[in-house]
């Protein structure tokens, strides 16, 4: 029933669930599933699809929910810039070290541009 494989994988790798989990509405299944994960994750910020009742609206307007969603949006925005401006569309690296250095170089360039223009 509770099929959030991302959270289950996180617990297997690190021994505990994350304190904050934010995702888009595609991760939503039902409010029973949300209640299950809210017992295990301090801030489970996955919005409900469709109409909301008063308690569901209050949950999605809480400060912790909104902060988690803002952080997620900022992360996705940074990835979008890396893809659009710095050419992170395809990585031809054949091994993990090469892949990691390629991504690290792109992130470094992005940070340098932010410092220069900020």
N, C-alpha and C. Protein backbone atom coordinates (compact mmCIF):
# COMPACT_ATOMS: atom_id res chain seq x y z
N UNK A 1 0.83 -1.20 0.00
CA UNK A 1 0.00 0.00 0.00
C UNK A 1 0.87 1.26 0.00
N UNK A 2 1.88 1.31 0.82
CA UNK A 2 2.72 2.50 0.93
C UNK A 2 3.94 2.30 0.04
N UNK A 3 3.83 2.74 -1.19
CA UNK A 3 4.80 2.39 -2.22
C UNK A 3 5.84 3.44 -2.50
N UNK A 4 6.08 4.35 -1.61
CA UNK A 4 7.07 5.38 -1.87
C UNK A 4 8.46 4.76 -1.82
N UNK A 5 8.91 4.30 -2.98
CA UNK A 5 10.18 3.59 -3.06
C UNK A 5 11.37 4.49 -2.77
N UNK A 6 11.23 5.78 -3.02
CA UNK A 6 12.32 6.73 -2.75
C UNK A 6 12.61 6.75 -1.25
N UNK A 7 11.57 6.84 -0.45
CA UNK A 7 11.77 6.88 1.00
C UNK A 7 12.24 5.55 1.55
N UNK A 8 11.72 4.47 1.01
CA UNK A 8 12.17 3.15 1.46
C UNK A 8 13.64 2.94 1.12
N UNK A 9 14.05 3.35 -0.08
CA UNK A 9 15.45 3.24 -0.48
C UNK A 9 16.35 4.10 0.41
N UNK A 10 15.88 5.31 0.76
CA UNK A 10 16.64 6.19 1.64
C UNK A 10 16.87 5.52 2.98
N UNK A 11 15.82 4.90 3.52
CA UNK A 11 15.97 4.24 4.82
C UNK A 11 16.94 3.07 4.73
N UNK A 12 16.90 2.31 3.64
CA UNK A 12 17.83 1.19 3.48
C UNK A 12 19.27 1.67 3.42
N UNK A 13 19.50 2.78 2.73
CA UNK A 13 20.86 3.28 2.56
C UNK A 13 21.40 3.98 3.80
N UNK A 14 20.55 4.75 4.48
CA UNK A 14 21.03 5.59 5.57
C UNK A 14 20.53 5.17 6.95
N UNK A 15 19.66 4.19 7.01
CA UNK A 15 19.19 3.68 8.28
C UNK A 15 18.04 4.45 8.90
N UNK A 16 17.63 5.54 8.30
CA UNK A 16 16.53 6.34 8.82
C UNK A 16 15.87 7.08 7.66
N UNK A 17 14.65 7.50 7.89
CA UNK A 17 13.97 8.31 6.87
C UNK A 17 14.50 9.74 6.93
N UNK A 18 14.39 10.50 5.83
CA UNK A 18 14.82 11.91 5.89
C UNK A 18 13.88 12.71 6.78
N UNK A 19 14.35 13.85 7.24
CA UNK A 19 13.51 14.72 8.07
C UNK A 19 12.49 15.47 7.22
N UNK A 20 12.88 15.76 5.97
CA UNK A 20 12.01 16.50 5.06
C UNK A 20 11.95 15.77 3.73
N UNK A 21 10.75 15.61 3.20
CA UNK A 21 10.56 15.03 1.87
C UNK A 21 9.60 15.91 1.11
N UNK A 22 10.04 16.44 -0.02
CA UNK A 22 9.18 17.28 -0.85
C UNK A 22 9.19 16.73 -2.27
N UNK A 23 8.01 16.63 -2.86
CA UNK A 23 7.89 16.14 -4.23
C UNK A 23 6.67 16.78 -4.86
N UNK A 24 6.53 16.59 -6.17
CA UNK A 24 5.35 17.15 -6.83
C UNK A 24 4.14 16.23 -6.62
N UNK A 25 3.02 16.63 -7.16
CA UNK A 25 1.77 15.90 -6.91
C UNK A 25 1.73 14.51 -7.53
N UNK A 26 2.67 14.20 -8.39
CA UNK A 26 2.70 12.85 -8.96
C UNK A 26 3.04 11.80 -7.91
N UNK A 27 3.60 12.19 -6.78
CA UNK A 27 3.90 11.27 -5.69
C UNK A 27 2.69 11.01 -4.80
N UNK A 28 1.65 11.78 -4.98
CA UNK A 28 0.45 11.64 -4.14
C UNK A 28 -0.32 10.38 -4.53
N UNK A 29 -0.74 9.61 -3.53
CA UNK A 29 -1.63 8.48 -3.79
C UNK A 29 -2.98 8.70 -3.12
N UNK A 30 -2.99 8.82 -1.80
CA UNK A 30 -4.21 9.14 -1.07
C UNK A 30 -3.82 9.68 0.31
N UNK A 31 -4.80 10.19 1.03
CA UNK A 31 -4.51 10.81 2.33
C UNK A 31 -4.11 9.77 3.38
N UNK A 32 -4.53 8.52 3.21
CA UNK A 32 -4.06 7.47 4.14
C UNK A 32 -2.56 7.28 3.99
N UNK A 33 -2.08 7.32 2.75
CA UNK A 33 -0.65 7.19 2.48
C UNK A 33 0.10 8.39 3.06
N UNK A 34 -0.47 9.59 2.90
CA UNK A 34 0.15 10.80 3.46
C UNK A 34 0.25 10.68 4.98
N UNK A 35 -0.83 10.22 5.62
CA UNK A 35 -0.82 10.05 7.08
C UNK A 35 0.24 9.04 7.50
N UNK A 36 0.38 7.96 6.74
CA UNK A 36 1.39 6.94 7.03
C UNK A 36 2.79 7.55 7.00
N UNK A 37 3.08 8.33 5.95
CA UNK A 37 4.43 8.90 5.82
C UNK A 37 4.66 10.06 6.78
N UNK A 38 3.62 10.79 7.13
CA UNK A 38 3.79 11.89 8.09
C UNK A 38 4.18 11.39 9.47
N UNK A 39 3.88 10.14 9.78
CA UNK A 39 4.31 9.55 11.05
C UNK A 39 5.80 9.21 11.04
N UNK A 40 6.37 9.05 9.84
CA UNK A 40 7.76 8.63 9.70
C UNK A 40 8.69 9.75 9.26
N UNK A 41 8.15 10.75 8.58
CA UNK A 41 8.94 11.87 8.06
C UNK A 41 8.37 13.15 8.67
N UNK A 42 9.23 13.96 9.28
CA UNK A 42 8.76 15.16 9.99
C UNK A 42 7.97 16.10 9.08
N UNK A 43 8.49 16.36 7.88
CA UNK A 43 7.79 17.20 6.91
C UNK A 43 7.64 16.42 5.63
N UNK A 44 6.43 15.95 5.38
CA UNK A 44 6.11 15.21 4.15
C UNK A 44 5.34 16.16 3.26
N UNK A 45 6.03 16.83 2.35
CA UNK A 45 5.44 17.89 1.54
C UNK A 45 5.11 17.39 0.13
N UNK A 46 4.03 16.65 0.05
CA UNK A 46 3.51 16.21 -1.24
C UNK A 46 2.06 16.68 -1.29
N UNK A 47 1.76 17.52 -2.27
CA UNK A 47 0.43 18.09 -2.37
C UNK A 47 -0.59 17.09 -2.87
N UNK A 48 -1.83 17.34 -2.51
CA UNK A 48 -2.93 16.48 -2.92
C UNK A 48 -3.42 16.88 -4.31
N UNK A 49 -3.77 15.91 -5.10
CA UNK A 49 -4.40 16.17 -6.39
C UNK A 49 -5.89 16.41 -6.15
N UNK A 50 -6.47 17.31 -6.90
CA UNK A 50 -7.91 17.53 -6.81
C UNK A 50 -8.31 18.46 -5.67
N UNK A 51 -9.61 18.37 -5.31
CA UNK A 51 -10.15 19.25 -4.28
C UNK A 51 -9.64 18.85 -2.90
N UNK A 52 -9.55 19.87 -2.04
CA UNK A 52 -9.07 19.67 -0.68
C UNK A 52 -10.13 20.12 0.32
N UNK A 53 -10.17 19.42 1.45
CA UNK A 53 -11.03 19.89 2.53
C UNK A 53 -10.22 20.88 3.37
N UNK A 54 -10.80 21.38 4.43
CA UNK A 54 -10.15 22.43 5.23
C UNK A 54 -8.84 21.95 5.86
N UNK A 55 -8.81 20.73 6.38
CA UNK A 55 -7.58 20.24 7.02
C UNK A 55 -6.47 20.00 5.99
N UNK A 56 -6.83 19.55 4.81
CA UNK A 56 -5.84 19.33 3.75
C UNK A 56 -5.27 20.66 3.25
N UNK A 57 -6.13 21.66 3.15
CA UNK A 57 -5.67 22.99 2.75
C UNK A 57 -4.75 23.57 3.81
N UNK A 58 -5.12 23.42 5.08
CA UNK A 58 -4.27 23.92 6.18
C UNK A 58 -2.92 23.23 6.17
N UNK A 59 -2.88 21.92 5.91
CA UNK A 59 -1.62 21.18 5.85
C UNK A 59 -0.72 21.74 4.76
N UNK A 60 -1.30 22.02 3.59
CA UNK A 60 -0.51 22.50 2.46
C UNK A 60 -0.14 23.98 2.57
N UNK A 61 -0.76 24.68 3.51
CA UNK A 61 -0.40 26.09 3.73
C UNK A 61 0.46 26.28 4.98
N UNK A 62 0.87 25.20 5.61
CA UNK A 62 1.73 25.32 6.79
C UNK A 62 3.11 25.82 6.37
N UNK A 63 3.80 26.45 7.29
CA UNK A 63 5.12 27.00 7.00
C UNK A 63 6.11 25.92 6.59
N UNK A 64 6.09 24.77 7.28
CA UNK A 64 7.06 23.71 6.96
C UNK A 64 6.80 23.13 5.58
N UNK A 65 5.53 22.95 5.22
CA UNK A 65 5.18 22.43 3.89
C UNK A 65 5.66 23.40 2.81
N UNK A 66 5.36 24.66 3.00
CA UNK A 66 5.75 25.67 1.99
C UNK A 66 7.27 25.82 1.89
N UNK A 67 7.96 25.78 3.02
CA UNK A 67 9.43 25.86 2.98
C UNK A 67 10.02 24.69 2.20
N UNK A 68 9.49 23.50 2.43
CA UNK A 68 9.99 22.32 1.72
C UNK A 68 9.72 22.43 0.23
N UNK A 69 8.56 22.92 -0.14
CA UNK A 69 8.24 23.07 -1.56
C UNK A 69 9.09 24.17 -2.21
N UNK A 70 9.37 25.24 -1.47
CA UNK A 70 10.24 26.30 -2.01
C UNK A 70 11.65 25.76 -2.25
N UNK A 71 12.16 24.96 -1.31
CA UNK A 71 13.49 24.38 -1.48
C UNK A 71 13.51 23.47 -2.71
N UNK A 72 12.48 22.67 -2.87
CA UNK A 72 12.39 21.77 -4.03
C UNK A 72 12.36 22.57 -5.32
N UNK A 73 11.57 23.64 -5.35
CA UNK A 73 11.48 24.47 -6.56
C UNK A 73 12.83 25.12 -6.87
N UNK A 74 13.55 25.56 -5.84
CA UNK A 74 14.86 26.15 -6.06
C UNK A 74 15.86 25.16 -6.60
N UNK A 75 15.81 23.93 -6.10
CA UNK A 75 16.71 22.89 -6.60
C UNK A 75 16.40 22.56 -8.05
N UNK A 76 15.12 22.44 -8.37
CA UNK A 76 14.74 22.14 -9.75
C UNK A 76 15.09 23.29 -10.67
N UNK A 77 15.02 24.53 -10.16
CA UNK A 77 15.41 25.68 -10.96
C UNK A 77 16.90 25.67 -11.28
N UNK A 78 17.71 25.29 -10.30
CA UNK A 78 19.16 25.20 -10.54
C UNK A 78 19.48 24.12 -11.56
N UNK A 79 18.81 22.99 -11.48
CA UNK A 79 19.02 21.93 -12.45
C UNK A 79 18.61 22.41 -13.83
N UNK A 80 17.52 23.15 -13.91
CA UNK A 80 17.06 23.68 -15.19
C UNK A 80 18.10 24.61 -15.81
N UNK A 81 18.71 25.46 -14.98
CA UNK A 81 19.76 26.36 -15.49
C UNK A 81 20.95 25.56 -15.98
N UNK A 82 21.36 24.56 -15.23
CA UNK A 82 22.48 23.73 -15.66
C UNK A 82 22.18 23.06 -17.00
N UNK A 83 20.94 22.64 -17.20
CA UNK A 83 20.58 22.00 -18.45
C UNK A 83 20.52 23.01 -19.60
N UNK A 84 19.90 24.14 -19.35
CA UNK A 84 19.64 25.12 -20.41
C UNK A 84 20.88 25.92 -20.77
N UNK A 85 21.61 26.42 -19.78
CA UNK A 85 22.72 27.34 -20.02
C UNK A 85 24.05 26.62 -20.17
N UNK A 86 24.27 25.60 -19.34
CA UNK A 86 25.57 24.96 -19.32
C UNK A 86 25.63 23.63 -20.06
N UNK A 87 24.57 23.27 -20.75
CA UNK A 87 24.60 22.10 -21.61
C UNK A 87 24.52 20.76 -20.91
N UNK A 88 23.88 20.71 -19.76
CA UNK A 88 23.74 19.43 -19.05
C UNK A 88 22.55 18.65 -19.63
N UNK A 89 22.65 18.32 -20.89
CA UNK A 89 21.62 17.53 -21.53
C UNK A 89 22.04 16.06 -21.59
N UNK A 90 23.26 15.86 -22.00
CA UNK A 90 23.80 14.50 -22.05
C UNK A 90 25.19 14.51 -21.45
N UNK A 91 25.48 13.48 -20.74
CA UNK A 91 26.81 13.33 -20.16
C UNK A 91 27.43 12.08 -20.78
N UNK A 92 28.55 12.27 -21.44
CA UNK A 92 29.18 11.16 -22.15
C UNK A 92 30.20 10.42 -21.28
N UNK A 93 30.17 10.68 -20.00
CA UNK A 93 31.10 10.02 -19.09
C UNK A 93 30.83 8.52 -19.07
N UNK A 94 31.88 7.75 -19.03
CA UNK A 94 31.73 6.30 -19.05
C UNK A 94 31.81 5.69 -17.65
N UNK A 95 32.41 6.39 -16.72
CA UNK A 95 32.54 5.87 -15.36
C UNK A 95 32.06 6.93 -14.38
N UNK A 96 31.81 6.51 -13.14
CA UNK A 96 31.24 7.42 -12.15
C UNK A 96 32.16 8.61 -11.84
N UNK A 97 33.47 8.36 -11.72
CA UNK A 97 34.39 9.46 -11.41
C UNK A 97 34.34 10.54 -12.49
N UNK A 98 34.28 10.11 -13.72
CA UNK A 98 34.20 11.05 -14.84
C UNK A 98 32.87 11.81 -14.80
N UNK A 99 31.80 11.09 -14.51
CA UNK A 99 30.48 11.71 -14.40
C UNK A 99 30.48 12.74 -13.27
N UNK A 100 31.00 12.36 -12.11
CA UNK A 100 31.02 13.25 -10.95
C UNK A 100 31.85 14.50 -11.23
N UNK A 101 32.99 14.35 -11.89
CA UNK A 101 33.82 15.53 -12.18
C UNK A 101 33.14 16.42 -13.21
N UNK A 102 32.41 15.83 -14.15
CA UNK A 102 31.69 16.61 -15.14
C UNK A 102 30.59 17.45 -14.47
N UNK A 103 29.81 16.84 -13.60
CA UNK A 103 28.74 17.55 -12.90
C UNK A 103 29.34 18.60 -11.96
N UNK A 104 30.42 18.22 -11.27
CA UNK A 104 31.08 19.17 -10.37
C UNK A 104 31.58 20.40 -11.11
N UNK A 105 32.13 20.20 -12.30
CA UNK A 105 32.61 21.34 -13.10
C UNK A 105 31.46 22.25 -13.52
N UNK A 106 30.34 21.64 -13.90
CA UNK A 106 29.17 22.45 -14.29
C UNK A 106 28.64 23.25 -13.11
N UNK A 107 28.56 22.63 -11.95
CA UNK A 107 28.07 23.32 -10.76
C UNK A 107 29.04 24.45 -10.37
N UNK A 108 30.33 24.19 -10.47
CA UNK A 108 31.33 25.22 -10.18
C UNK A 108 31.16 26.41 -11.12
N UNK A 109 30.98 26.15 -12.41
CA UNK A 109 30.77 27.23 -13.38
C UNK A 109 29.50 28.02 -13.05
N UNK A 110 28.44 27.31 -12.70
CA UNK A 110 27.19 27.97 -12.34
C UNK A 110 27.39 28.88 -11.13
N UNK A 111 28.11 28.39 -10.12
CA UNK A 111 28.37 29.20 -8.93
C UNK A 111 29.23 30.42 -9.25
N UNK A 112 30.21 30.26 -10.14
CA UNK A 112 31.06 31.39 -10.51
C UNK A 112 30.26 32.47 -11.25
N UNK A 113 29.36 32.05 -12.11
CA UNK A 113 28.49 33.01 -12.81
C UNK A 113 27.59 33.72 -11.80
N UNK A 114 27.06 32.98 -10.83
CA UNK A 114 26.23 33.62 -9.79
C UNK A 114 27.03 34.63 -8.98
N UNK A 115 28.26 34.31 -8.65
CA UNK A 115 29.10 35.24 -7.89
C UNK A 115 29.44 36.48 -8.72
N UNK A 116 29.71 36.28 -9.99
CA UNK A 116 30.10 37.40 -10.85
C UNK A 116 28.94 38.34 -11.14
N UNK A 117 27.74 37.80 -11.24
CA UNK A 117 26.58 38.64 -11.59
C UNK A 117 25.78 39.08 -10.37
N UNK A 118 26.03 38.46 -9.22
CA UNK A 118 25.23 38.73 -8.02
C UNK A 118 25.73 39.89 -7.31
